[in-house]
Amino acid sequence: MNLLSRRSLLAIAAVVDIALHARPSPVAAKMLAARHDLPPRHLETLLQALVRVGILKGVRGPRGGYELARERRRITAGEIARAAMQEAGEDGLGPMPQSRLIDLVVGPQVERASQAFLSTLDGVTVEELCQQAERRAAFDGAGATADFTI
């Protein structure tokens, strides 16, 4: 069971991909999408959200794309997941259930568990994920494999 949303998982993978491939030039969203077998438009809003919070930097122009805004050892998986969750929204889910059970028992327990989960991700840097990806040859040129764990 994966506690991380698909959007957060994709955000972490995108940042690691960019960290691995942004030298000597930025990574185009089109190339990033191709490596992860996604339509480019699916990634653009996510990448822009990561730019807004200072994880990525957008580079304009014909050789433009995305690169890290900070050193990869200074970006954590938890920070990336939080940024992706902030932008996701829950508009299609309907109203939030309201009850004393949720307010006093279930909600606080789920919040503690969520904080513990994100705290663990805060201990994982993009640098560490890049090292794992390189050791496991997670990129085979055309496509990516999801063979590394957090």
Protein backbone atom coordinates (compact mmCIF):
# COMPACT_ATOMS: atom_id res chain seq x y z
CA MET A 1 0.00 0.00 0.00
CA ASN A 2 1.37 3.38 -0.98
CA LEU A 3 0.40 6.24 1.36
CA LEU A 4 1.72 8.83 -1.06
CA SER A 5 -0.64 10.23 -3.69
CA ARG A 6 0.21 9.58 -7.33
CA ARG A 7 0.76 13.32 -7.72
CA SER A 8 3.28 13.41 -4.86
CA LEU A 9 5.03 10.29 -6.14
CA LEU A 10 5.28 11.84 -9.60
CA ALA A 11 6.56 15.12 -8.13
CA ILE A 12 9.37 13.34 -6.28
CA ALA A 13 10.25 11.29 -9.37
CA ALA A 14 10.22 14.43 -11.56
CA VAL A 15 12.55 16.32 -9.23
CA VAL A 16 14.97 13.38 -9.05
CA ASP A 17 14.82 13.01 -12.85
CA ILE A 18 15.59 16.71 -13.27
CA ALA A 19 18.43 16.48 -10.74
CA LEU A 20 19.95 13.62 -12.74
CA HIS A 21 19.46 15.09 -16.23
CA ALA A 22 19.63 18.91 -15.93
CA ARG A 23 23.31 19.12 -16.79
CA PRO A 24 24.43 20.75 -19.06
CA SER A 25 21.01 22.11 -20.03
CA PRO A 26 17.57 22.22 -18.36
CA VAL A 27 15.16 19.29 -18.75
CA ALA A 28 12.26 19.94 -21.10
CA ALA A 29 8.85 18.88 -19.81
CA LYS A 30 8.41 16.92 -23.05
CA MET A 31 11.50 14.80 -22.33
CA LEU A 32 10.51 14.32 -18.71
CA ALA A 33 7.04 13.20 -19.77
CA ALA A 34 8.50 10.77 -22.30
CA ARG A 35 10.74 9.15 -19.69
CA HIS A 36 7.74 8.63 -17.41
CA ASP A 37 5.29 7.69 -20.16
CA LEU A 38 2.97 10.65 -19.50
CA PRO A 39 1.44 13.36 -21.68
CA PRO A 40 3.47 16.61 -21.22
CA ARG A 41 0.39 18.64 -20.29
CA HIS A 42 -0.11 16.30 -17.34
CA LEU A 43 3.21 17.41 -15.89
CA GLU A 44 3.17 21.15 -16.56
CA THR A 45 0.89 22.16 -13.67
CA LEU A 46 2.87 20.01 -11.27
CA LEU A 47 6.20 21.43 -12.47
CA GLN A 48 4.88 24.99 -12.19
CA ALA A 49 3.76 24.28 -8.61
CA LEU A 50 7.29 23.12 -7.80
CA VAL A 51 8.65 26.33 -9.33
CA ARG A 52 6.28 28.44 -7.19
CA VAL A 53 7.58 26.91 -3.95
CA GLY A 54 11.24 27.24 -4.96
CA ILE A 55 12.12 23.60 -5.59
CA LEU A 56 12.51 23.97 -9.36
CA LYS A 57 13.48 26.86 -11.57
CA GLY A 58 11.90 27.33 -14.99
CA VAL A 59 14.19 28.35 -17.85
CA ARG A 60 12.54 29.96 -20.86
CA GLY A 61 13.57 29.78 -24.47
CA PRO A 62 14.19 27.16 -27.15
CA ARG A 63 16.60 25.25 -24.89
CA GLY A 64 14.49 25.91 -21.82
CA GLY A 65 13.02 23.55 -19.34
CA TYR A 66 13.44 22.90 -15.65
CA GLU A 67 16.37 22.65 -13.28
CA LEU A 68 16.74 22.53 -9.52
CA ALA A 69 16.40 25.86 -7.74
CA ARG A 70 18.67 24.66 -4.92
CA GLU A 71 21.33 22.03 -4.33
CA ARG A 72 19.86 18.54 -4.38
CA ARG A 73 21.14 17.83 -0.86
CA ARG A 74 18.97 20.74 0.36
CA ILE A 75 15.68 19.43 -1.07
CA THR A 76 13.79 16.66 0.73
CA ALA A 77 11.18 14.22 -0.50
CA GLY A 78 8.87 15.52 2.25
CA GLU A 79 9.13 19.08 0.97
CA ILE A 80 8.31 17.93 -2.55
CA ALA A 81 5.34 15.82 -1.35
CA ARG A 82 3.92 18.76 0.62
CA ALA A 83 4.21 21.03 -2.41
CA ALA A 84 2.36 18.50 -4.58
CA MET A 85 -0.35 18.02 -1.93
CA GLN A 86 -0.90 21.78 -1.59
CA GLU A 87 -1.64 22.10 -5.28
CA ALA A 88 -3.78 18.97 -5.59
CA GLY A 89 -6.99 20.22 -4.01
CA GLU A 90 -9.92 18.04 -3.08
CA ASP A 91 -12.75 19.83 -4.88
CA GLY A 92 -14.23 16.70 -6.43
CA LEU A 93 -14.44 14.78 -3.16
CA GLY A 94 -17.52 16.48 -1.72
CA PRO A 95 -17.87 17.98 1.75
CA MET A 96 -15.57 16.97 4.60
CA PRO A 97 -17.40 14.67 7.03
CA GLN A 98 -18.06 16.31 10.37
CA SER A 99 -18.60 14.51 13.66
CA ARG A 100 -17.23 14.41 17.19
CA LEU A 101 -15.68 11.03 16.37
CA ILE A 102 -13.66 12.57 13.54
CA ASP A 103 -12.85 15.74 15.48
CA LEU A 104 -11.78 14.03 18.72
CA VAL A 105 -10.48 10.60 17.75
CA VAL A 106 -9.97 9.73 14.08
CA GLY A 107 -8.75 13.12 12.85
CA PRO A 108 -6.00 13.59 15.46
CA GLN A 109 -4.71 10.03 14.94
CA VAL A 110 -4.62 10.39 11.16
CA GLU A 111 -2.90 13.78 11.52
CA ARG A 112 -0.20 12.26 13.77
CA ALA A 113 0.33 9.40 11.32
CA SER A 114 0.52 11.83 8.40
CA GLN A 115 3.09 13.96 10.21
CA ALA A 116 5.19 10.88 11.04
CA PHE A 117 5.04 9.77 7.41
CA LEU A 118 6.09 13.19 6.10
CA SER A 119 8.76 13.45 8.79
CA THR A 120 10.31 10.26 7.43
CA LEU A 121 10.28 11.75 3.93
CA ASP A 122 11.90 14.90 5.33
CA GLY A 123 14.90 12.74 6.15
CA VAL A 124 15.33 11.69 2.50
CA THR A 125 17.13 14.15 0.24
CA VAL A 126 17.05 14.37 -3.52
CA GLU A 127 20.81 13.72 -3.35
CA GLU A 128 20.18 10.32 -1.70
CA LEU A 129 17.50 9.43 -4.24
CA CYS A 130 19.82 10.40 -7.10
CA GLN A 131 22.56 8.19 -5.68
CA GLN A 132 20.14 5.26 -5.43
CA ALA A 133 18.90 5.87 -8.97
CA GLU A 134 22.46 5.88 -10.29
CA ARG A 135 23.45 2.74 -8.34
CA ARG A 136 20.40 0.87 -9.58
CA ALA A 137 20.59 2.24 -13.13
CA ALA A 138 17.00 3.44 -12.79
CA PHE A 139 17.11 5.13 -16.19
CA ASP A 140 17.61 3.01 -19.26
CA GLY A 141 17.74 5.82 -21.77
CA ALA A 142 14.23 5.94 -23.23
CA GLY A 143 12.07 5.07 -20.24
CA ALA A 144 12.29 5.05 -16.48
CA THR A 145 11.84 2.22 -14.09
CA ALA A 146 10.28 2.53 -10.68
CA ASP A 147 12.89 0.26 -9.11
CA PHE A 148 14.10 2.54 -6.34
CA THR A 149 12.49 2.94 -2.96
CA ILE A 150 12.27 5.85 -0.61
